[in-house]
């Protein structure tokens, strides 16, 4: 069925075979992949070739013939234009399999075969507790998310991926954007559901401070909607404009005051799954280090097993850990691990190393961990490609991959989290 295109404009009938890392369906034509947004495995469609992409081409559907067995109705009216979700048209069970396969295929590209990969733990939609909305003023206000691979903002009226208390604020936040001139033409609204209520950070693309009338209006908005805090990221940095109560998050048994825009796992269910996988793997640990610790989402639960030394490059997050850790076996130190990774000598006092880096991974730090004597290394990652690269470094250094647990806390998107457990066999 999949044959060469006579030219770029003529449609060609293809069968979609798989889903790629960006969430597009993939059909292979004479050995060349075509990336087709909005399609599902098993779909039979006519496509028109687009621009060059990586080792193949983009393509658009001109005619749909036969739906694949895992196709379903999207849950959101904005699916297909909004770039926030790419997999709403595929059944949850199939998405869980796709994400497990993505990890397996990525590991295979790095030479890993027969790695024990567990079934995906899937967090249901509607639990996203942190959402970054975009705002663009151009012939009115567009408030929502960027279109797929575009800077255009898609105006939305709903978001079934977000927690209900966030989703219900969408029309009010759009109205707030319209009457806040200091936001300029483009801005971000970072909305987080915390234990004590909603926290909102307003970030205009061109840093400008709000006027007095705007400050009064923002404070009134916080009062009217029972918002815990509204902050503004302006020319001199963060400024709280309405601080009715401190936004807090609970990690393990510890309540922590959240710094503005601090790292937080996107869902509480996803965080719990990660914590359980990490703590189960660390059972029996005596001295633990938590690298790229954020605000201590792993440090505090791990401290039930033994003393934890946390390292994090963001000063505000380190201070939050220190304040919350009073009387607990958790210490925190500021350290940019990309520029100044812990050396093997510094790591030698830990028998268990946990690291949860940003999407770029932990290239430099993985290199020194590979030279350490720690018996257990636990890697948490939201990027299979950099995870596979770092695992290759660790395995070359003598570690053995015991298991990998996929965790899908990004429902309907192409992202997947994973917890990899490695052991160094005792001599």
Protein backbone atom coordinates (compact mmCIF):
# COMPACT_ATOMS: atom_id res chain seq x y z
CA UNK A 1 0.00 0.00 0.00
CA UNK A 2 2.76 2.46 0.93
CA UNK A 3 4.31 3.56 -2.38
CA UNK A 4 6.39 6.49 -3.56
CA UNK A 5 4.73 9.83 -4.19
CA UNK A 6 4.47 10.80 -7.88
CA UNK A 7 5.01 14.42 -6.71
CA UNK A 8 4.53 16.55 -3.65
CA UNK A 9 0.96 17.61 -4.46
CA UNK A 10 -0.67 14.28 -5.27
CA UNK A 11 -2.14 12.31 -2.36
CA UNK A 12 -0.98 8.80 -1.62
CA UNK A 13 -2.83 6.19 0.40
CA UNK A 14 -0.85 4.87 3.38
CA UNK A 15 -1.40 2.84 6.54
CA UNK A 16 -0.18 4.40 9.77
CA UNK A 17 2.16 2.00 11.56
CA UNK A 18 3.16 3.65 14.83
CA UNK A 19 3.33 6.86 16.89
CA UNK A 20 6.54 8.90 17.04
CA UNK A 21 8.16 10.70 19.94
CA UNK A 22 6.31 13.94 19.12
CA UNK A 23 2.91 12.23 19.00
CA UNK A 24 2.55 12.07 15.21
CA UNK A 25 1.47 8.95 13.38
CA UNK A 26 4.21 7.41 11.22
CA UNK A 27 3.76 5.76 7.83
CA UNK A 28 6.78 4.45 5.94
CA UNK A 29 6.93 4.96 2.16
CA UNK A 30 9.82 3.21 0.39
CA UNK A 31 11.83 3.26 3.61
CA UNK A 32 11.14 6.95 4.26
CA UNK A 33 9.02 7.91 7.31
CA UNK A 34 6.14 10.36 7.00
CA UNK A 35 4.95 12.11 10.16
CA UNK A 36 1.18 12.65 10.16
CA UNK A 37 -0.42 14.59 13.05
CA UNK A 38 -3.78 13.39 14.34
CA UNK A 39 -3.49 9.84 13.07
CA UNK A 40 -3.52 6.55 14.98
CA UNK A 41 -1.89 3.16 14.34
CA UNK A 42 -3.96 1.23 11.80
CA UNK A 43 -5.50 4.33 10.19
CA UNK A 44 -5.69 4.13 6.40
CA UNK A 45 -5.50 7.64 4.99
CA UNK A 46 -4.55 9.66 1.94
CA UNK A 47 -1.73 12.07 2.74
CA UNK A 48 -0.01 14.98 1.03
CA UNK A 49 3.69 15.37 1.59
CA UNK A 50 4.94 18.48 3.38
CA UNK A 51 8.35 19.76 4.40
CA UNK A 52 11.49 17.80 5.20
CA UNK A 53 11.76 16.66 8.83
CA UNK A 54 14.65 14.71 10.32
CA UNK A 55 14.96 11.52 8.24
CA UNK A 56 11.60 11.92 6.49
CA UNK A 57 8.79 14.35 5.76
CA UNK A 58 5.79 15.88 7.43
CA UNK A 59 2.43 15.08 5.85
CA UNK A 60 -1.22 16.09 6.17
CA UNK A 61 -4.32 13.96 5.79
CA UNK A 62 -6.42 14.74 2.71
CA UNK A 63 -8.88 11.82 3.08
CA UNK A 64 -9.51 9.32 5.87
CA UNK A 65 -10.58 5.83 4.77
CA UNK A 66 -10.40 3.32 7.62
CA UNK A 67 -9.88 4.15 11.32
CA UNK A 68 -7.40 2.12 13.33
CA UNK A 69 -8.68 -0.16 16.11
CA UNK A 70 -7.40 2.14 18.88
CA UNK A 71 -8.93 5.38 17.59
CA UNK A 72 -11.44 7.11 19.87
CA UNK A 73 -13.31 10.42 20.08
CA UNK A 74 -11.18 13.25 21.54
CA UNK A 75 -12.34 14.57 24.91
CA UNK A 76 -11.74 18.26 24.12
CA UNK A 77 -13.34 20.46 21.48
CA UNK A 78 -9.98 22.14 20.86
CA UNK A 79 -8.13 18.94 19.93
CA UNK A 80 -6.47 19.24 16.56
CA UNK A 81 -5.81 22.97 16.80
CA UNK A 82 -4.47 23.31 20.36
CA UNK A 83 -0.93 22.02 20.68
CA UNK A 84 -1.29 21.02 24.33
CA UNK A 85 -2.45 17.49 23.54
CA UNK A 86 -1.55 15.20 20.64
CA UNK A 87 -2.94 11.77 21.62
CA UNK A 88 -6.56 12.39 22.67
CA UNK A 89 -7.75 10.42 19.65
CA UNK A 90 -6.13 7.17 20.89
CA UNK A 91 -7.54 4.93 23.63
CA UNK A 92 -5.81 5.12 27.04
CA UNK A 93 -4.67 1.48 26.95
CA UNK A 94 -3.04 1.97 23.56
CA UNK A 95 -1.35 5.18 24.74
CA UNK A 96 0.14 3.30 27.71
CA UNK A 97 1.55 0.69 25.31
CA UNK A 98 2.85 3.37 22.94
CA UNK A 99 4.77 5.10 25.72
CA UNK A 100 6.27 1.86 26.96
CA UNK A 101 7.32 1.09 23.38
CA UNK A 102 8.88 4.55 23.02
CA UNK A 103 11.17 3.85 25.96
CA UNK A 104 12.01 0.38 24.62
CA UNK A 105 12.82 1.68 21.12
CA UNK A 106 14.93 4.53 22.47
CA UNK A 107 16.93 2.16 24.64
CA UNK A 108 17.42 -0.16 21.67
CA UNK A 109 18.92 2.71 19.67
CA UNK A 110 21.53 2.99 22.43
CA UNK A 111 22.34 -0.69 22.25
CA UNK A 112 20.15 -1.94 25.10
CA UNK A 113 18.35 -5.23 24.53
CA UNK A 114 16.10 -7.27 26.83
CA UNK A 115 15.84 -4.54 29.47
CA UNK A 116 13.02 -5.32 31.96
CA UNK A 117 10.48 -2.56 31.29
CA UNK A 118 7.35 -2.73 33.41
CA UNK A 119 3.83 -1.93 32.31
CA UNK A 120 3.08 1.79 32.18
CA UNK A 121 1.48 3.37 35.24
CA UNK A 122 -1.06 5.73 33.66
CA UNK A 123 -2.36 8.76 35.54
CA UNK A 124 -5.88 9.68 34.37
CA UNK A 125 -6.59 13.04 32.72
CA UNK A 126 -7.95 15.93 34.73
CA UNK A 127 -5.14 15.83 37.31
CA UNK A 128 -2.71 18.38 35.84
CA UNK A 129 -2.00 20.68 38.78
CA UNK A 130 0.38 23.08 37.05
CA UNK A 131 -0.58 24.68 33.74
CA UNK A 132 1.31 27.28 31.70
CA UNK A 133 -1.22 29.28 29.73
CA UNK A 134 -0.17 31.64 26.95
CA UNK A 135 -1.80 34.98 26.20
CA UNK A 136 -1.56 36.99 22.98
CA UNK A 137 -3.29 40.30 22.30
CA UNK A 138 -3.89 40.70 18.59
CA UNK A 139 -7.32 41.84 17.43
CA UNK A 140 -8.60 40.79 20.84
CA UNK A 141 -7.20 38.45 23.47
CA UNK A 142 -6.29 34.84 22.72
CA UNK A 143 -5.82 32.83 25.92
CA UNK A 144 -4.82 29.17 25.94
CA UNK A 145 -1.95 27.18 24.47
CA UNK A 146 0.28 27.43 21.43
CA UNK A 147 -0.77 25.58 18.32
CA UNK A 148 1.28 22.49 17.52
CA UNK A 149 4.86 23.60 16.70
CA UNK A 150 3.74 27.24 16.36
CA UNK A 151 3.84 30.49 18.31
CA UNK A 152 0.19 31.17 17.51
CA UNK A 153 -1.97 31.04 20.64
CA UNK A 154 -5.15 28.96 20.37
CA UNK A 155 -7.99 30.52 22.33
CA UNK A 156 -9.60 27.87 24.53
CA UNK A 157 -12.76 27.59 26.59
CA UNK A 158 -11.95 24.34 28.39
CA UNK A 159 -9.07 22.05 29.33
CA UNK A 160 -10.03 18.53 30.44
CA UNK A 161 -6.35 17.76 31.10
CA UNK A 162 -6.20 20.27 33.96
CA UNK A 163 -7.60 19.97 37.46
CA UNK A 164 -11.16 21.33 37.61
CA UNK A 165 -10.26 24.27 39.86
CA UNK A 166 -7.75 25.43 37.23
CA UNK A 167 -9.95 24.74 34.21
CA UNK A 168 -12.89 26.71 35.60
CA UNK A 169 -10.69 29.84 35.88
CA UNK A 170 -9.95 29.97 32.12
CA UNK A 171 -12.64 32.54 31.14
CA UNK A 172 -11.88 34.70 34.17
CA UNK A 173 -8.13 34.63 33.47
CA UNK A 174 -8.78 35.63 29.87
CA UNK A 175 -10.90 38.56 31.07
CA UNK A 176 -8.16 39.51 33.54
CA UNK A 177 -5.61 39.51 30.71
CA UNK A 178 -7.80 41.83 28.66
CA UNK A 179 -7.94 44.46 31.42
CA UNK A 180 -4.27 44.29 32.47
CA UNK A 181 -2.36 46.49 29.98
CA UNK A 182 1.02 45.93 31.68
CA UNK A 183 0.99 42.32 30.44
CA UNK A 184 1.72 43.69 26.98
CA UNK A 185 0.98 41.74 23.82
CA UNK A 186 2.30 38.38 25.04
CA UNK A 187 2.46 36.86 28.50
CA UNK A 188 2.49 33.59 30.43
CA UNK A 189 0.03 32.69 33.18
CA UNK A 190 1.55 29.92 35.34
CA UNK A 191 -1.31 28.49 37.40
CA UNK A 192 -0.61 25.94 40.13
CA UNK A 193 -3.08 24.11 42.37
CA UNK A 194 -1.44 23.78 45.80
CA UNK A 195 -2.63 22.37 49.12
CA UNK A 196 -3.74 25.83 50.19
CA UNK A 197 -5.25 27.06 46.93
CA UNK A 198 -4.35 28.42 43.52
CA UNK A 199 -1.03 30.19 42.95
CA UNK A 200 -0.76 32.41 39.85
CA UNK A 201 2.43 33.83 38.37
CA UNK A 202 2.05 36.47 35.64
CA UNK A 203 5.04 36.77 33.31
CA UNK A 204 4.87 39.38 30.52
CA UNK A 205 7.28 38.75 27.65
CA UNK A 206 8.45 42.35 27.87
CA UNK A 207 9.09 42.95 31.56
CA UNK A 208 6.99 45.83 32.81
CA UNK A 209 5.50 46.62 36.20
CA UNK A 210 1.74 46.99 36.65
CA UNK A 211 0.26 50.35 37.58
CA UNK A 212 -1.60 51.08 40.79
CA UNK A 213 -5.05 50.48 39.25
CA UNK A 214 -3.88 47.13 37.90
CA UNK A 215 -2.48 46.14 41.28
CA UNK A 216 -5.79 46.93 42.93
CA UNK A 217 -7.65 44.93 40.26
CA UNK A 218 -5.34 41.92 40.69
CA UNK A 219 -5.79 41.97 44.45
CA UNK A 220 -9.56 42.14 43.95
CA UNK A 221 -9.36 39.20 41.53
CA UNK A 222 -7.52 37.15 44.17
CA UNK A 223 -10.16 38.00 46.76
CA UNK A 224 -13.08 37.27 44.44
CA UNK A 225 -11.75 33.88 43.33
CA UNK A 226 -10.11 32.88 46.65
CA UNK A 227 -6.63 32.77 45.07
CA UNK A 228 -3.84 32.01 47.53
CA UNK A 229 -1.24 34.19 45.79
CA UNK A 230 -0.76 36.25 42.65
CA UNK A 231 2.78 37.22 41.71
CA UNK A 232 4.34 39.28 38.93
CA UNK A 233 7.65 38.55 37.20
CA UNK A 234 8.77 42.07 36.31
CA UNK A 235 11.94 44.07 35.59
CA UNK A 236 13.45 43.43 39.02
CA UNK A 237 12.21 39.87 39.40
CA UNK A 238 9.35 38.36 41.33
CA UNK A 239 6.92 40.55 43.26
CA UNK A 240 3.90 39.25 45.19
CA UNK A 241 0.87 41.39 44.33
CA UNK A 242 -1.68 39.47 46.37
CA UNK A 243 -0.49 37.12 49.12
CA UNK A 244 -3.59 35.99 50.97
CA UNK A 245 -1.94 32.81 52.25
CA UNK A 246 1.23 30.85 51.52
CA UNK A 247 0.91 28.22 48.77
CA UNK A 248 2.12 24.93 50.26
CA UNK A 249 2.79 21.42 48.98
CA UNK A 250 3.18 18.24 51.04
CA UNK A 251 6.06 15.88 50.28
CA UNK A 252 5.81 12.71 52.31
CA UNK A 253 4.77 13.99 55.72
CA UNK A 254 6.41 17.38 55.29
CA UNK A 255 4.59 20.56 54.31
CA UNK A 256 6.70 23.00 52.33
CA UNK A 257 6.10 26.61 51.24
CA UNK A 258 6.37 26.67 47.44
CA UNK A 259 8.68 29.32 45.95
CA UNK A 260 7.24 31.07 42.87
CA UNK A 261 7.53 28.92 39.71
CA UNK A 262 9.42 26.18 41.57
CA UNK A 263 9.66 22.77 39.92
CA UNK A 264 6.70 20.54 40.68
CA UNK A 265 5.64 17.26 39.13
CA UNK A 266 2.63 17.98 36.90
CA UNK A 267 0.24 15.73 38.79
CA UNK A 268 -0.05 14.51 42.36
CA UNK A 269 -0.77 10.98 41.17
CA UNK A 270 2.35 11.01 39.00
CA UNK A 271 4.45 12.27 41.88
CA UNK A 272 3.14 9.51 44.15
CA UNK A 273 3.97 6.86 41.54
CA UNK A 274 7.50 8.21 41.16
CA UNK A 275 8.01 8.42 44.93
CA UNK A 276 6.83 4.83 45.42
CA UNK A 277 9.08 3.49 42.63
CA UNK A 278 12.10 5.38 44.01
CA UNK A 279 11.52 4.49 47.66
CA UNK A 280 10.88 0.82 46.86
CA UNK A 281 14.15 0.68 44.94
CA UNK A 282 16.03 2.47 47.75
CA UNK A 283 14.83 0.10 50.49
CA UNK A 284 17.75 -0.73 52.76
CA UNK A 285 19.66 2.45 51.95
CA UNK A 286 21.74 3.97 54.74
CA UNK A 287 23.04 7.22 53.22
CA UNK A 288 21.22 8.77 50.27
CA UNK A 289 21.88 11.71 47.99
CA UNK A 290 19.14 13.32 45.93
CA UNK A 291 20.60 15.17 42.93
CA UNK A 292 18.59 17.86 41.08
CA UNK A 293 16.34 17.73 44.14
CA UNK A 294 13.97 20.57 43.29
CA UNK A 295 11.96 21.34 46.42
CA UNK A 296 12.52 17.90 47.92
CA UNK A 297 9.65 15.88 46.43
CA UNK A 298 11.89 12.80 46.70
CA UNK A 299 14.19 13.94 49.51
CA UNK A 300 11.52 14.05 52.21
CA UNK A 301 9.93 10.64 51.48
CA UNK A 302 13.42 9.11 51.15
CA UNK A 303 14.38 10.47 54.58
CA UNK A 304 12.13 7.80 56.13
CA UNK A 305 14.79 5.31 54.97
CA UNK A 306 17.90 7.20 56.04
CA UNK A 307 19.65 10.61 56.03
CA UNK A 308 19.34 12.47 52.72
CA UNK A 309 21.72 15.05 51.28
CA UNK A 310 19.94 17.06 48.58
CA UNK A 311 21.67 19.10 45.87
CA UNK A 312 19.84 21.67 43.74
CA UNK A 313 20.97 24.62 41.66
CA UNK A 314 18.06 26.93 42.45
CA UNK A 315 18.64 28.93 45.62
CA UNK A 316 14.94 29.52 46.37
CA UNK A 317 14.19 25.80 46.22
CA UNK A 318 17.16 24.96 48.44
CA UNK A 319 15.99 27.49 51.02
CA UNK A 320 12.48 26.00 50.89
CA UNK A 321 13.94 22.55 51.66
CA UNK A 322 15.99 23.93 54.55
CA UNK A 323 13.03 25.69 56.15
CA UNK A 324 10.80 22.63 55.83
CA UNK A 325 13.48 20.18 57.01
CA UNK A 326 13.83 21.48 60.56
CA UNK A 327 14.28 18.48 62.84
CA UNK A 328 14.41 16.00 59.96
CA UNK A 329 17.36 14.09 58.47
CA UNK A 330 17.37 16.17 55.26
CA UNK A 331 20.13 18.64 54.36
CA UNK A 332 20.26 20.75 51.20
CA UNK A 333 23.10 22.44 49.35
CA UNK A 334 23.12 24.80 46.35
CA UNK A 335 25.03 23.20 43.49
CA UNK A 336 24.84 23.60 39.70
CA UNK A 337 25.38 19.96 38.82
CA UNK A 338 25.68 20.60 35.08
CA UNK A 339 28.65 22.92 35.61
CA UNK A 340 30.02 21.40 38.79
CA UNK A 341 28.92 17.78 39.18
CA UNK A 342 29.71 15.91 42.37
CA UNK A 343 33.00 14.08 42.00
CA UNK A 344 33.44 10.35 42.67
CA UNK A 345 35.24 11.31 45.86
CA UNK A 346 32.28 13.41 47.01
CA UNK A 347 29.87 10.60 46.14
CA UNK A 348 31.75 7.89 48.02
CA UNK A 349 29.89 8.52 51.29
CA UNK A 350 26.54 7.56 49.71
CA UNK A 351 25.37 4.00 49.10
CA UNK A 352 22.31 5.20 47.13
CA UNK A 353 22.23 7.94 44.50
CA UNK A 354 18.98 9.36 43.15
CA UNK A 355 18.97 11.86 40.28
CA UNK A 356 16.07 13.60 38.55
CA UNK A 357 17.54 16.07 36.04
CA UNK A 358 15.77 18.39 33.59
CA UNK A 359 15.02 17.20 30.03
CA UNK A 360 18.64 17.76 28.99
CA UNK A 361 19.62 14.93 31.31
CA UNK A 362 22.69 14.56 33.51
CA UNK A 363 25.55 14.01 31.06
CA UNK A 364 28.34 15.35 33.27
CA UNK A 365 26.93 14.05 36.55
CA UNK A 366 26.26 10.58 35.10
CA UNK A 367 29.92 10.39 34.17
CA UNK A 368 31.04 10.82 37.78
CA UNK A 369 28.28 8.55 39.15
CA UNK A 370 29.62 5.84 36.83
CA UNK A 371 32.93 6.09 38.69
CA UNK A 372 31.33 5.97 42.15
CA UNK A 373 31.03 3.00 44.49
CA UNK A 374 27.31 3.44 45.27
CA UNK A 375 25.45 0.13 45.20
CA UNK A 376 22.18 1.62 43.94
CA UNK A 377 21.52 4.37 41.43
CA UNK A 378 17.97 5.49 40.64
CA UNK A 379 17.37 7.72 37.63
CA UNK A 380 14.14 9.65 37.11
CA UNK A 381 13.63 11.19 33.69
CA UNK A 382 10.99 12.82 31.48
CA UNK A 383 13.09 12.37 28.33
CA UNK A 384 13.76 8.81 27.07
CA UNK A 385 16.58 9.99 24.79
CA UNK A 386 18.71 11.62 27.48
CA UNK A 387 17.81 8.85 29.93
CA UNK A 388 19.14 6.24 27.49
CA UNK A 389 22.33 8.26 26.99
CA UNK A 390 22.91 8.55 30.75
CA UNK A 391 22.11 4.86 31.31
CA UNK A 392 24.70 3.93 28.69
CA UNK A 393 27.29 5.91 30.67
CA UNK A 394 26.33 4.16 33.90
CA UNK A 395 26.30 0.69 32.38
CA UNK A 396 29.70 1.30 30.80
CA UNK A 397 30.87 2.18 34.32
CA UNK A 398 29.78 -1.20 35.66
CA UNK A 399 26.14 -0.74 36.65
CA UNK A 400 23.38 -3.17 35.69
CA UNK A 401 19.86 -2.01 34.81
CA UNK A 402 17.48 -3.87 37.10
CA UNK A 403 14.20 -2.37 35.90
CA UNK A 404 12.53 0.59 34.24
CA UNK A 405 9.09 1.82 35.28
CA UNK A 406 7.26 4.02 32.74
CA UNK A 407 4.89 6.54 34.34
CA UNK A 408 2.48 8.46 32.14
CA UNK A 409 1.56 11.59 34.03
CA UNK A 410 1.17 13.60 30.83
CA UNK A 411 -2.18 12.22 29.55
CA UNK A 412 -2.82 12.87 25.86
CA UNK A 413 0.67 14.26 25.24
CA UNK A 414 3.67 12.42 23.80
CA UNK A 415 5.74 12.85 26.99
CA UNK A 416 6.51 9.96 29.33
CA UNK A 417 8.30 9.74 32.67
CA UNK A 418 10.47 6.79 33.67
CA UNK A 419 12.20 5.53 36.80
CA UNK A 420 15.26 3.39 36.09
CA UNK A 421 16.88 1.31 38.84
CA UNK A 422 20.53 0.29 38.53
CA UNK A 423 22.69 -1.83 40.83
CA UNK A 424 26.41 -2.32 41.10
CA UNK A 425 27.09 -5.96 41.81
CA UNK A 426 29.09 -6.45 44.94
CA UNK A 427 32.61 -7.88 44.41
